[in-house]
């Protein structure tokens, strides 16, 4: 089943089904909820990153949550960038698998803020 075209065919069928469902729902959505949104006033001012661009900078403050989300994204992005190639080449470490696994555990532990005591 490893080299079977059935997997690729199933993936294509599922993707085509999802695309068709999304196109159908996007075409039907205005007809279903359109009556409720006719009396809503339209705001045509530009809007970027949660703040109006023409207000003085002192008037809007950014929450610490924005910075926290950005730092978490960078943390997990870097860990994924190192973890995926490591997982692909893990079979090549014949006699050192336990050592390499331990090193990755230390790397992930430091990334999550877990203190690691090294001798």
Protein backbone atom coordinates (compact mmCIF):
# COMPACT_ATOMS: atom_id res chain seq x y z
CA UNK A 1 0.00 0.00 0.00
CA UNK A 2 3.07 2.20 0.25
CA UNK A 3 3.27 2.85 -3.50
CA UNK A 4 -0.44 2.67 -4.18
CA UNK A 5 -2.05 5.46 -6.22
CA UNK A 6 -5.18 5.05 -4.09
CA UNK A 7 -3.79 7.46 -1.48
CA UNK A 8 -3.18 10.20 -4.05
CA UNK A 9 -6.57 9.66 -5.64
CA UNK A 10 -8.31 9.87 -2.26
CA UNK A 11 -6.43 13.08 -1.43
CA UNK A 12 -7.45 14.64 -4.75
CA UNK A 13 -11.10 13.60 -4.26
CA UNK A 14 -11.19 15.02 -0.71
CA UNK A 15 -9.54 18.27 -1.85
CA UNK A 16 -11.98 18.63 -4.75
CA UNK A 17 -14.90 17.94 -2.42
CA UNK A 18 -13.72 20.58 0.06
CA UNK A 19 -13.20 23.12 -2.73
CA UNK A 20 -16.68 22.42 -4.09
CA UNK A 21 -18.25 22.71 -0.63
CA UNK A 22 -16.49 26.02 0.05
CA UNK A 23 -17.51 27.46 -3.32
CA UNK A 24 -21.12 26.36 -2.79
CA UNK A 25 -21.26 27.79 0.72
CA UNK A 26 -19.69 31.08 -0.36
CA UNK A 27 -22.30 31.39 -3.12
CA UNK A 28 -25.20 30.56 -0.79
CA UNK A 29 -24.05 32.60 2.23
CA UNK A 30 -25.21 36.02 0.92
CA UNK A 31 -28.64 34.59 0.12
CA UNK A 32 -29.00 33.05 3.56
CA UNK A 33 -27.73 35.90 5.76
CA UNK A 34 -28.11 38.77 3.29
CA UNK A 35 -31.47 39.94 4.64
CA UNK A 36 -30.06 40.50 8.13
CA UNK A 37 -27.11 42.57 6.92
CA UNK A 38 -28.89 45.04 4.64
CA UNK A 39 -29.40 47.70 7.35
CA UNK A 40 -25.86 47.56 8.77
CA UNK A 41 -23.91 50.78 8.04
CA UNK A 42 -20.75 50.35 6.01
CA UNK A 43 -17.50 51.56 7.54
CA UNK A 44 -15.17 52.57 4.72
CA UNK A 45 -12.22 53.79 6.77
CA UNK A 46 -8.97 51.81 6.55
CA UNK A 47 -8.23 49.42 9.39
CA UNK A 48 -4.83 47.89 10.11
CA UNK A 49 -3.72 45.68 12.98
CA UNK A 50 -6.45 46.72 15.39
CA UNK A 51 -5.85 50.50 15.20
CA UNK A 52 -7.06 53.26 12.94
CA UNK A 53 -4.06 54.44 10.90
CA UNK A 54 -4.81 58.16 11.12
CA UNK A 55 -5.10 58.46 14.89
CA UNK A 56 -2.12 59.67 16.92
CA UNK A 57 0.04 56.84 18.22
CA UNK A 58 -0.54 57.84 21.84
CA UNK A 59 -4.25 57.11 21.58
CA UNK A 60 -4.00 53.38 20.95
CA UNK A 61 -2.01 50.96 23.02
CA UNK A 62 -1.08 47.46 22.00
CA UNK A 63 -1.88 44.70 24.39
CA UNK A 64 0.88 42.47 25.70
CA UNK A 65 -1.05 39.57 24.14
CA UNK A 66 0.10 40.67 20.67
CA UNK A 67 3.74 40.33 21.71
CA UNK A 68 3.09 37.05 23.51
CA UNK A 69 1.48 35.53 20.42
CA UNK A 70 4.38 36.76 18.25
CA UNK A 71 6.98 35.26 20.58
CA UNK A 72 5.14 31.93 20.76
CA UNK A 73 4.92 31.85 16.97
CA UNK A 74 8.65 32.43 16.64
CA UNK A 75 9.39 29.79 19.27
CA UNK A 76 7.28 27.08 17.65
CA UNK A 77 8.37 28.07 14.15
CA UNK A 78 12.05 27.69 15.01
CA UNK A 79 11.44 24.42 16.83
CA UNK A 80 9.51 23.04 13.86
CA UNK A 81 12.29 24.15 11.51
CA UNK A 82 14.79 22.12 13.53
CA UNK A 83 12.50 19.23 14.43
CA UNK A 84 11.38 18.20 10.93
CA UNK A 85 14.85 17.67 9.39
CA UNK A 86 15.93 15.92 12.58
CA UNK A 87 12.97 13.53 12.38
CA UNK A 88 13.71 12.76 8.72
CA UNK A 89 17.36 11.89 9.38
CA UNK A 90 16.79 10.09 12.72
CA UNK A 91 17.10 6.62 11.15
CA UNK A 92 20.64 7.40 9.98
CA UNK A 93 21.96 7.63 13.55
CA UNK A 94 22.50 3.88 13.92
CA UNK A 95 24.35 3.47 17.21
CA UNK A 96 23.65 6.89 18.67
CA UNK A 97 19.85 6.97 18.63
CA UNK A 98 19.49 7.33 22.40
CA UNK A 99 22.06 10.14 22.51
CA UNK A 100 20.43 12.01 19.61
CA UNK A 101 16.99 11.55 21.18
CA UNK A 102 18.31 12.96 24.46
CA UNK A 103 19.82 15.95 22.70
CA UNK A 104 16.50 16.73 21.03
CA UNK A 105 14.74 16.38 24.38
CA UNK A 106 17.16 18.96 25.84
CA UNK A 107 16.52 21.27 22.86
CA UNK A 108 12.74 20.99 23.20
CA UNK A 109 12.95 21.34 26.98
CA UNK A 110 14.89 24.58 26.70
CA UNK A 111 12.43 25.84 24.08
CA UNK A 112 9.51 25.33 26.45
CA UNK A 113 11.35 26.96 29.32
CA UNK A 114 12.04 23.77 31.25
CA UNK A 115 15.32 24.12 33.14
CA UNK A 116 17.79 21.47 32.06
CA UNK A 117 20.72 20.65 34.31
CA UNK A 118 23.74 19.52 32.38
CA UNK A 119 26.77 18.05 34.14
